[in-house]
Amino acid sequence: MTAFALTSAFGGVATVARDVSDALRLFDLRRREAGPEDRIRAGAFDENISGLERLVADGWTEVWSGSRMIRGQPLDWTPTAIWSQFNHAIG
């Protein structure tokens, strides 16, 4: 697996995975740890079309979306590897 998740002190979890299957394995682990009463969130950027399609195919539903704000020069980044974040301050 080429993925990791970082938990913050305030409850957010950032997840980075090269492959959608790795991201889904981390989400399944988080679901088991959270228990049936809690929910977890996942996210993918619009640029990650295959990842978004896979989340929906695996039963995830879209409940919220936001605008990506860009300031300055474009970043050298890999949007297909970012599956959740601490907050919306990426970029």
PDB file of N, CA and C in Angstrom:
ATOM      1  N   MET A   1       0.856  -1.184   0.000  1.00  0.00           N
ATOM      2  CA  MET A   1       0.000   0.000   0.000  1.00  0.00           C
ATOM      3  C   MET A   1       0.892   1.234   0.000  1.00  0.00           C
ATOM      4  N   THR A   2       0.562   2.191  -0.826  1.00  0.00           N
ATOM      5  CA  THR A   2       1.286   3.457  -0.863  1.00  0.00           C
ATOM      6  C   THR A   2       0.310   4.559  -0.487  1.00  0.00           C
ATOM      7  N   ALA A   3       0.005   4.614   0.816  1.00  0.00           N
ATOM      8  CA  ALA A   3      -0.968   5.583   1.305  1.00  0.00           C
ATOM      9  C   ALA A   3      -0.694   5.875   2.775  1.00  0.00           C
ATOM     10  N   PHE A   4      -1.198   7.021   3.230  1.00  0.00           N
ATOM     11  CA  PHE A   4      -1.118   7.330   4.653  1.00  0.00           C
ATOM     12  C   PHE A   4      -2.250   8.266   5.034  1.00  0.00           C
ATOM     13  N   ALA A   5      -2.549   8.278   6.309  1.00  0.00           N
ATOM     14  CA  ALA A   5      -3.546   9.193   6.863  1.00  0.00           C
ATOM     15  C   ALA A   5      -2.941   9.833   8.101  1.00  0.00           C
ATOM     16  N   LEU A   6      -3.150  11.124   8.256  1.00  0.00           N
ATOM     17  CA  LEU A   6      -2.673  11.872   9.412  1.00  0.00           C
ATOM     18  C   LEU A   6      -3.868  12.445  10.153  1.00  0.00           C
ATOM     19  N   THR A   7      -3.936  12.187  11.441  1.00  0.00           N
ATOM     20  CA  THR A   7      -5.021  12.708  12.258  1.00  0.00           C
ATOM     21  C   THR A   7      -4.545  13.959  12.973  1.00  0.00           C
ATOM     22  N   SER A   8      -5.378  14.987  12.980  1.00  0.00           N
ATOM     23  CA  SER A   8      -5.020  16.221  13.668  1.00  0.00           C
ATOM     24  C   SER A   8      -5.617  16.235  15.071  1.00  0.00           C
ATOM     25  N   ALA A   9      -5.148  17.143  15.881  1.00  0.00           N
ATOM     26  CA  ALA A   9      -5.648  17.275  17.253  1.00  0.00           C
ATOM     27  C   ALA A   9      -7.101  17.710  17.297  1.00  0.00           C
ATOM     28  N   PHE A  10      -7.599  18.367  16.253  1.00  0.00           N
ATOM     29  CA  PHE A  10      -8.978  18.846  16.255  1.00  0.00           C
ATOM     30  C   PHE A  10      -9.933  17.916  15.514  1.00  0.00           C
ATOM     31  N   GLY A  11      -9.471  16.724  15.160  1.00  0.00           N
ATOM     32  CA  GLY A  11     -10.375  15.726  14.607  1.00  0.00           C
ATOM     33  C   GLY A  11     -10.334  15.512  13.121  1.00  0.00           C
ATOM     34  N   GLY A  12      -9.685  16.356  12.368  1.00  0.00           N
ATOM     35  CA  GLY A  12      -9.611  16.158  10.930  1.00  0.00           C
ATOM     36  C   GLY A  12      -8.632  15.053  10.575  1.00  0.00           C
ATOM     37  N   VAL A  13      -8.814  14.474   9.423  1.00  0.00           N
ATOM     38  CA  VAL A  13      -7.906  13.436   8.944  1.00  0.00           C
ATOM     39  C   VAL A  13      -7.546  13.742   7.498  1.00  0.00           C
ATOM     40  N   ALA A  14      -6.257  13.874   7.222  1.00  0.00           N
ATOM     41  CA  ALA A  14      -5.788  14.057   5.856  1.00  0.00           C
ATOM     42  C   ALA A  14      -5.372  12.690   5.331  1.00  0.00           C
ATOM     43  N   THR A  15      -5.845  12.340   4.149  1.00  0.00           N
ATOM     44  CA  THR A  15      -5.531  11.046   3.551  1.00  0.00           C
ATOM     45  C   THR A  15      -4.897  11.259   2.181  1.00  0.00           C
ATOM     46  N   VAL A  16      -3.775  10.617   1.956  1.00  0.00           N
ATOM     47  CA  VAL A  16      -3.077  10.684   0.683  1.00  0.00           C
ATOM     48  C   VAL A  16      -2.811   9.257   0.225  1.00  0.00           C
ATOM     49  N   ALA A  17      -3.199   8.950  -1.012  1.00  0.00           N
ATOM     50  CA  ALA A  17      -3.002   7.602  -1.549  1.00  0.00           C
ATOM     51  C   ALA A  17      -2.745   7.694  -3.047  1.00  0.00           C
ATOM     52  N   ARG A  18      -1.798   6.928  -3.534  1.00  0.00           N
ATOM     53  CA  ARG A  18      -1.513   6.919  -4.971  1.00  0.00           C
ATOM     54  C   ARG A  18      -2.604   6.217  -5.759  1.00  0.00           C
ATOM     55  N   ASP A  19      -3.284   5.264  -5.117  1.00  0.00           N
ATOM     56  CA  ASP A  19      -4.270   4.456  -5.810  1.00  0.00           C
ATOM     57  C   ASP A  19      -5.595   4.513  -5.049  1.00  0.00           C
ATOM     58  N   VAL A  20      -6.703   4.556  -5.780  1.00  0.00           N
ATOM     59  CA  VAL A  20      -8.020   4.627  -5.157  1.00  0.00           C
ATOM     60  C   VAL A  20      -8.274   3.423  -4.256  1.00  0.00           C
ATOM     61  N   SER A  21      -7.783   2.259  -4.614  1.00  0.00           N
ATOM     62  CA  SER A  21      -7.979   1.078  -3.765  1.00  0.00           C
ATOM     63  C   SER A  21      -7.312   1.256  -2.412  1.00  0.00           C
ATOM     64  N   ASP A  22      -6.138   1.876  -2.391  1.00  0.00           N
ATOM     65  CA  ASP A  22      -5.459   2.142  -1.124  1.00  0.00           C
ATOM     66  C   ASP A  22      -6.243   3.143  -0.279  1.00  0.00           C
ATOM     67  N   ALA A  23      -6.771   4.180  -0.925  1.00  0.00           N
ATOM     68  CA  ALA A  23      -7.581   5.161  -0.199  1.00  0.00           C
ATOM     69  C   ALA A  23      -8.814   4.489   0.402  1.00  0.00           C
ATOM     70  N   LEU A  24      -9.476   3.644  -0.365  1.00  0.00           N
ATOM     71  CA  LEU A  24     -10.674   2.969   0.134  1.00  0.00           C
ATOM     72  C   LEU A  24     -10.354   2.028   1.282  1.00  0.00           C
ATOM     73  N   ARG A  25      -9.187   1.389   1.277  1.00  0.00           N
ATOM     74  CA  ARG A  25      -8.789   0.538   2.407  1.00  0.00           C
ATOM     75  C   ARG A  25      -8.617   1.367   3.671  1.00  0.00           C
ATOM     76  N   LEU A  26      -8.011   2.547   3.539  1.00  0.00           N
ATOM     77  CA  LEU A  26      -7.870   3.422   4.704  1.00  0.00           C
ATOM     78  C   LEU A  26      -9.238   3.894   5.203  1.00  0.00           C
ATOM     79  N   PHE A  27     -10.143   4.223   4.283  1.00  0.00           N
ATOM     80  CA  PHE A  27     -11.485   4.651   4.684  1.00  0.00           C
ATOM     81  C   PHE A  27     -12.233   3.523   5.377  1.00  0.00           C
ATOM     82  N   ASP A  28     -12.089   2.291   4.891  1.00  0.00           N
ATOM     83  CA  ASP A  28     -12.735   1.155   5.543  1.00  0.00           C
ATOM     84  C   ASP A  28     -12.210   0.969   6.960  1.00  0.00           C
ATOM     85  N   LEU A  29     -10.910   1.128   7.143  1.00  0.00           N
ATOM     86  CA  LEU A  29     -10.323   1.041   8.481  1.00  0.00           C
ATOM     87  C   LEU A  29     -10.886   2.134   9.385  1.00  0.00           C
ATOM     88  N   ARG A  30     -10.962   3.346   8.862  1.00  0.00           N
ATOM     89  CA  ARG A  30     -11.516   4.450   9.656  1.00  0.00           C
ATOM     90  C   ARG A  30     -12.982   4.199   9.998  1.00  0.00           C
ATOM     91  N   ARG A  31     -13.754   3.620   9.084  1.00  0.00           N
ATOM     92  CA  ARG A  31     -15.158   3.291   9.360  1.00  0.00           C
ATOM     93  C   ARG A  31     -15.260   2.296  10.510  1.00  0.00           C
ATOM     94  N   ARG A  32     -14.433   1.242  10.469  1.00  0.00           N
ATOM     95  CA  ARG A  32     -14.459   0.240  11.540  1.00  0.00           C
ATOM     96  C   ARG A  32     -14.081   0.859  12.875  1.00  0.00           C
ATOM     97  N   GLU A  33     -13.068   1.718  12.882  1.00  0.00           N
ATOM     98  CA  GLU A  33     -12.632   2.359  14.116  1.00  0.00           C
ATOM     99  C   GLU A  33     -13.685   3.326  14.652  1.00  0.00           C
ATOM    100  N   ALA A  34     -14.409   3.998  13.768  1.00  0.00           N
ATOM    101  CA  ALA A  34     -15.413   4.987  14.178  1.00  0.00           C
ATOM    102  C   ALA A  34     -16.656   4.318  14.748  1.00  0.00           C
ATOM    103  N   GLY A  35     -16.982   3.142  14.277  1.00  0.00           N
ATOM    104  CA  GLY A  35     -18.181   2.455  14.739  1.00  0.00           C
ATOM    105  C   GLY A  35     -19.410   2.869  13.943  1.00  0.00           C
ATOM    106  N   PRO A  36     -20.521   2.176  14.175  1.00  0.00           N
ATOM    107  CA  PRO A  36     -21.722   2.395  13.361  1.00  0.00           C
ATOM    108  C   PRO A  36     -22.433   3.724  13.611  1.00  0.00           C
ATOM    109  N   GLU A  37     -22.197   4.346  14.744  1.00  0.00           N
ATOM    110  CA  GLU A  37     -22.889   5.594  15.074  1.00  0.00           C
ATOM    111  C   GLU A  37     -22.199   6.833  14.513  1.00  0.00           C
ATOM    112  N   ASP A  38     -20.923   6.728  14.223  1.00  0.00           N
ATOM    113  CA  ASP A  38     -20.169   7.877  13.723  1.00  0.00           C
ATOM    114  C   ASP A  38     -20.052   7.816  12.212  1.00  0.00           C
ATOM    115  N   ARG A  39     -19.767   8.957  11.634  1.00  0.00           N
ATOM    116  CA  ARG A  39     -19.549   8.998  10.196  1.00  0.00           C
ATOM    117  C   ARG A  39     -18.138   9.492   9.932  1.00  0.00           C
ATOM    118  N   ILE A  40     -17.628   9.123   8.792  1.00  0.00           N
ATOM    119  CA  ILE A  40     -16.345   9.656   8.362  1.00  0.00           C
ATOM    120  C   ILE A  40     -16.564  10.338   7.023  1.00  0.00           C
ATOM    121  N   ARG A  41     -15.652  11.203   6.689  1.00  0.00           N
ATOM    122  CA  ARG A  41     -15.752  11.933   5.432  1.00  0.00           C
ATOM    123  C   ARG A  41     -14.556  11.622   4.560  1.00  0.00           C
ATOM    124  N   ALA A  42     -14.795  11.667   3.283  1.00  0.00           N
ATOM    125  CA  ALA A  42     -13.743  11.501   2.295  1.00  0.00           C
ATOM    126  C   ALA A  42     -13.914  12.609   1.275  1.00  0.00           C
ATOM    127  N   GLY A  43     -12.914  12.851   0.508  1.00  0.00           N
ATOM    128  CA  GLY A  43     -13.041  13.877  -0.506  1.00  0.00           C
ATOM    129  C   GLY A  43     -12.047  13.669  -1.621  1.00  0.00           C
ATOM    130  N   ALA A  44     -12.398  14.153  -2.761  1.00  0.00           N
ATOM    131  CA  ALA A  44     -11.493  14.103  -3.907  1.00  0.00           C
ATOM    132  C   ALA A  44     -11.729  15.355  -4.737  1.00  0.00           C
ATOM    133  N   PHE A  45     -10.692  15.790  -5.399  1.00  0.00           N
ATOM    134  CA  PHE A  45     -10.803  16.965  -6.249  1.00  0.00           C
ATOM    135  C   PHE A  45     -11.492  16.615  -7.556  1.00  0.00           C
ATOM    136  N   ASP A  46     -12.103  17.598  -8.183  1.00  0.00           N
ATOM    137  CA  ASP A  46     -12.785  17.388  -9.461  1.00  0.00           C
ATOM    138  C   ASP A  46     -11.857  16.780 -10.517  1.00  0.00           C
ATOM    139  N   GLU A  47     -10.573  17.074 -10.418  1.00  0.00           N
ATOM    140  CA  GLU A  47      -9.607  16.546 -11.380  1.00  0.00           C
ATOM    141  C   GLU A  47      -9.455  15.030 -11.271  1.00  0.00           C
ATOM    142  N   ASN A  48      -9.870  14.466 -10.168  1.00  0.00           N
ATOM    143  CA  ASN A  48      -9.742  13.026  -9.923  1.00  0.00           C
ATOM    144  C   ASN A  48     -11.044  12.316 -10.316  1.00  0.00           C
ATOM    145  N   ILE A  49     -11.354  12.334 -11.590  1.00  0.00           N
ATOM    146  CA  ILE A  49     -12.626  11.798 -12.087  1.00  0.00           C
ATOM    147  C   ILE A  49     -12.768  10.311 -11.768  1.00  0.00           C
ATOM    148  N   SER A  50     -11.739   9.519 -12.031  1.00  0.00           N
ATOM    149  CA  SER A  50     -11.852   8.082 -11.774  1.00  0.00           C
ATOM    150  C   SER A  50     -11.996   7.797 -10.285  1.00  0.00           C
ATOM    151  N   GLY A  51     -11.344   8.591  -9.450  1.00  0.00           N
ATOM    152  CA  GLY A  51     -11.485   8.414  -8.004  1.00  0.00           C
ATOM    153  C   GLY A  51     -12.885   8.734  -7.531  1.00  0.00           C
ATOM    154  N   LEU A  52     -13.456   9.817  -8.031  1.00  0.00           N
ATOM    155  CA  LEU A  52     -14.831  10.177  -7.667  1.00  0.00           C
ATOM    156  C   LEU A  52     -15.813   9.105  -8.110  1.00  0.00           C
ATOM    157  N   GLU A  53     -15.611   8.581  -9.318  1.00  0.00           N
ATOM    158  CA  GLU A  53     -16.485   7.521  -9.817  1.00  0.00           C
ATOM    159  C   GLU A  53     -16.381   6.270  -8.946  1.00  0.00           C
ATOM    160  N   ARG A  54     -15.183   5.947  -8.508  1.00  0.00           N
ATOM    161  CA  ARG A  54     -14.980   4.760  -7.670  1.00  0.00           C
ATOM    162  C   ARG A  54     -15.623   4.932  -6.296  1.00  0.00           C
ATOM    163  N   LEU A  55     -15.518   6.140  -5.716  1.00  0.00           N
ATOM    164  CA  LEU A  55     -16.174   6.385  -4.429  1.00  0.00           C
ATOM    165  C   LEU A  55     -17.674   6.151  -4.539  1.00  0.00           C
ATOM    166  N   VAL A  56     -18.288   6.686  -5.574  1.00  0.00           N
ATOM    167  CA  VAL A  56     -19.725   6.508  -5.781  1.00  0.00           C
ATOM    168  C   VAL A  56     -20.047   5.029  -6.003  1.00  0.00           C
ATOM    169  N   ALA A  57     -19.246   4.342  -6.794  1.00  0.00           N
ATOM    170  CA  ALA A  57     -19.474   2.914  -7.060  1.00  0.00           C
ATOM    171  C   ALA A  57     -19.372   2.087  -5.780  1.00  0.00           C
ATOM    172  N   ASP A  58     -18.565   2.553  -4.821  1.00  0.00           N
ATOM    173  CA  ASP A  58     -18.415   1.835  -3.557  1.00  0.00           C
ATOM    174  C   ASP A  58     -19.414   2.292  -2.492  1.00  0.00           C
ATOM    175  N   GLY A  59     -20.392   3.095  -2.883  1.00  0.00           N
ATOM    176  CA  GLY A  59     -21.465   3.455  -1.962  1.00  0.00           C
ATOM    177  C   GLY A  59     -21.342   4.796  -1.272  1.00  0.00           C
ATOM    178  N   TRP A  60     -20.317   5.565  -1.572  1.00  0.00           N
ATOM    179  CA  TRP A  60     -20.179   6.890  -0.997  1.00  0.00           C
ATOM    180  C   TRP A  60     -21.152   7.830  -1.696  1.00  0.00           C
ATOM    181  N   THR A  61     -21.661   8.812  -0.988  1.00  0.00           N
ATOM    182  CA  THR A  61     -22.569   9.789  -1.584  1.00  0.00           C
ATOM    183  C   THR A  61     -22.009  11.192  -1.397  1.00  0.00           C
ATOM    184  N   GLU A  62     -22.273  12.027  -2.372  1.00  0.00           N
ATOM    185  CA  GLU A  62     -21.820  13.416  -2.280  1.00  0.00           C
ATOM    186  C   GLU A  62     -22.788  14.190  -1.403  1.00  0.00           C
ATOM    187  N   VAL A  63     -22.256  14.831  -0.370  1.00  0.00           N
ATOM    188  CA  VAL A  63     -23.100  15.631   0.510  1.00  0.00           C
ATOM    189  C   VAL A  63     -22.673  17.091   0.552  1.00  0.00           C
ATOM    190  N   TRP A  64     -21.503  17.383   0.055  1.00  0.00           N
ATOM    191  CA  TRP A  64     -21.016  18.753   0.091  1.00  0.00           C
ATOM    192  C   TRP A  64     -19.904  18.909  -0.923  1.00  0.00           C
ATOM    193  N   SER A  65     -19.782  20.082  -1.494  1.00  0.00           N
ATOM    194  CA  SER A  65     -18.633  20.381  -2.335  1.00  0.00           C
ATOM    195  C   SER A  65     -18.306  21.858  -2.195  1.00  0.00           C
ATOM    196  N   GLY A  66     -17.093  22.188  -2.500  1.00  0.00           N
ATOM    197  CA  GLY A  66     -16.670  23.577  -2.379  1.00  0.00           C
ATOM    198  C   GLY A  66     -15.810  23.980  -3.557  1.00  0.00           C
ATOM    199  N   SER A  67     -15.550  25.248  -3.648  1.00  0.00           N
ATOM    200  CA  SER A  67     -14.720  25.784  -4.732  1.00  0.00           C
ATOM    201  C   SER A  67     -13.255  25.680  -4.359  1.00  0.00           C
ATOM    202  N   ARG A  68     -12.433  25.373  -5.320  1.00  0.00           N
ATOM    203  CA  ARG A  68     -10.990  25.394  -5.103  1.00  0.00           C
ATOM    204  C   ARG A  68     -10.503  26.793  -5.426  1.00  0.00           C
ATOM    205  N   MET A  69      -9.893  27.419  -4.458  1.00  0.00           N
ATOM    206  CA  MET A  69      -9.404  28.779  -4.630  1.00  0.00           C
ATOM    207  C   MET A  69      -7.907  28.725  -4.931  1.00  0.00           C
ATOM    208  N   ILE A  70      -7.485  29.494  -5.915  1.00  0.00           N
ATOM    209  CA  ILE A  70      -6.085  29.486  -6.324  1.00  0.00           C
ATOM    210  C   ILE A  70      -5.549  30.909  -6.262  1.00  0.00           C
ATOM    211  N   ARG A  71      -4.393  31.051  -5.636  1.00  0.00           N
ATOM    212  CA  ARG A  71      -3.734  32.347  -5.563  1.00  0.00           C
ATOM    213  C   ARG A  71      -2.289  32.156  -5.975  1.00  0.00           C
ATOM    214  N   GLY A  72      -1.830  32.953  -6.880  1.00  0.00           N
ATOM    215  CA  GLY A  72      -0.444  32.875  -7.312  1.00  0.00           C
ATOM    216  C   GLY A  72      -0.243  31.874  -8.435  1.00  0.00           C
ATOM    217  N   GLN A  73       0.995  31.445  -8.586  1.00  0.00           N
ATOM    218  CA  GLN A  73       1.370  30.520  -9.650  1.00  0.00           C
ATOM    219  C   GLN A  73       0.767  29.140  -9.396  1.00  0.00           C
ATOM    220  N   PRO A  74       0.432  28.426 -10.469  1.00  0.00           N
ATOM    221  CA  PRO A  74      -0.085  27.064 -10.308  1.00  0.00           C
ATOM    222  C   PRO A  74       0.913  26.175  -9.566  1.00  0.00           C
ATOM    223  N   LEU A  75       0.394  25.275  -8.753  1.00  0.00           N
ATOM    224  CA  LEU A  75       1.233  24.363  -7.987  1.00  0.00           C
ATOM    225  C   LEU A  75       1.592  23.132  -8.807  1.00  0.00           C
ATOM    226  N   ASP A  76       2.733  22.543  -8.506  1.00  0.00           N
ATOM    227  CA  ASP A  76       3.098  21.243  -9.042  1.00  0.00           C
ATOM    228  C   ASP A  76       2.570  20.220  -8.044  1.00  0.00           C
ATOM    229  N   TRP A  77       1.408  19.647  -8.330  1.00  0.00           N
ATOM    230  CA  TRP A  77       0.741  18.790  -7.363  1.00  0.00           C
ATOM    231  C   TRP A  77       0.103  17.596  -8.056  1.00  0.00           C
ATOM    232  N   THR A  78      -0.376  16.655  -7.275  1.00  0.00           N
ATOM    233  CA  THR A  78      -1.009  15.448  -7.798  1.00  0.00           C
ATOM    234  C   THR A  78      -2.400  15.338  -7.172  1.00  0.00           C
ATOM    235  N   PRO A  79      -3.413  15.965  -7.785  1.00  0.00           N
ATOM    236  CA  PRO A  79      -4.747  15.968  -7.184  1.00  0.00           C
ATOM    237  C   PRO A  79      -5.371  14.583  -7.073  1.00  0.00           C
ATOM    238  N   THR A  80      -4.916  13.636  -7.871  1.00  0.00           N
ATOM    239  CA  THR A  80      -5.481  12.286  -7.804  1.00  0.00           C
ATOM    240  C   THR A  80      -5.003  11.510  -6.585  1.00  0.00           C
ATOM    241  N   ALA A  81      -4.064  12.056  -5.827  1.00  0.00           N
ATOM    242  CA  ALA A  81      -3.549  11.363  -4.644  1.00  0.00           C
ATOM    243  C   ALA A  81      -4.138  11.907  -3.348  1.00  0.00           C
ATOM    244  N   ILE A  82      -4.915  12.978  -3.408  1.00  0.00           N
ATOM    245  CA  ILE A  82      -5.457  13.600  -2.194  1.00  0.00           C
ATOM    246  C   ILE A  82      -6.907  13.177  -2.038  1.00  0.00           C
ATOM    247  N   TRP A  83      -7.224  12.541  -0.917  1.00  0.00           N
ATOM    248  CA  TRP A  83      -8.553  11.969  -0.708  1.00  0.00           C
ATOM    249  C   TRP A  83      -9.298  12.617   0.434  1.00  0.00           C
ATOM    250  N   SER A  84      -8.646  13.255   1.319  1.00  0.00           N
ATOM    251  CA  SER A  84      -9.308  14.041   2.354  1.00  0.00           C
ATOM    252  C   SER A  84      -8.238  14.965   2.931  1.00  0.00           C
ATOM    253  N   GLN A  85      -8.675  15.954   3.648  1.00  0.00           N
ATOM    254  CA  GLN A  85      -7.736  16.956   4.124  1.00  0.00           C
ATOM    255  C   GLN A  85      -8.155  17.479   5.472  1.00  0.00           C
ATOM    256  N   PHE A  86      -7.246  18.177   6.145  1.00  0.00           N
ATOM    257  CA  PHE A  86      -7.541  18.741   7.459  1.00  0.00           C
ATOM    258  C   PHE A  86      -8.594  19.838   7.358  1.00  0.00           C
ATOM    259  N   ASN A  87      -8.469  20.656   6.355  1.00  0.00           N
ATOM    260  CA  ASN A  87      -9.420  21.745   6.144  1.00  0.00           C
ATOM    261  C   ASN A  87      -9.442  22.070   4.658  1.00  0.00           C
ATOM    262  N   HIS A  88      -9.970  23.170   4.301  1.00  0.00           N
ATOM    263  CA  HIS A  88     -10.077  23.518   2.887  1.00  0.00           C
ATOM    264  C   HIS A  88      -8.981  24.476   2.455  1.00  0.00           C
ATOM    265  N   ALA A  89      -7.873  24.476   3.158  1.00  0.00           N
ATOM    266  CA  ALA A  89      -6.776  25.397   2.868  1.00  0.00           C
ATOM    267  C   ALA A  89      -5.673  24.702   2.095  1.00  0.00           C
ATOM    268  N   ILE A  90      -6.023  24.053   1.008  1.00  0.00           N
ATOM    269  CA  ILE A  90      -5.006  23.455   0.145  1.00  0.00           C
ATOM    270  C   ILE A  90      -4.872  24.337  -1.084  1.00  0.00           C
ATOM    271  N   GLY A  91      -3.659  24.631  -1.446  1.00  0.00           N
ATOM    272  CA  GLY A  91      -3.429  25.435  -2.621  1.00  0.00           C
ATOM    273  C   GLY A  91      -3.067  26.808  -2.224  1.00  0.00           C
TER     274      GLY A  91
END
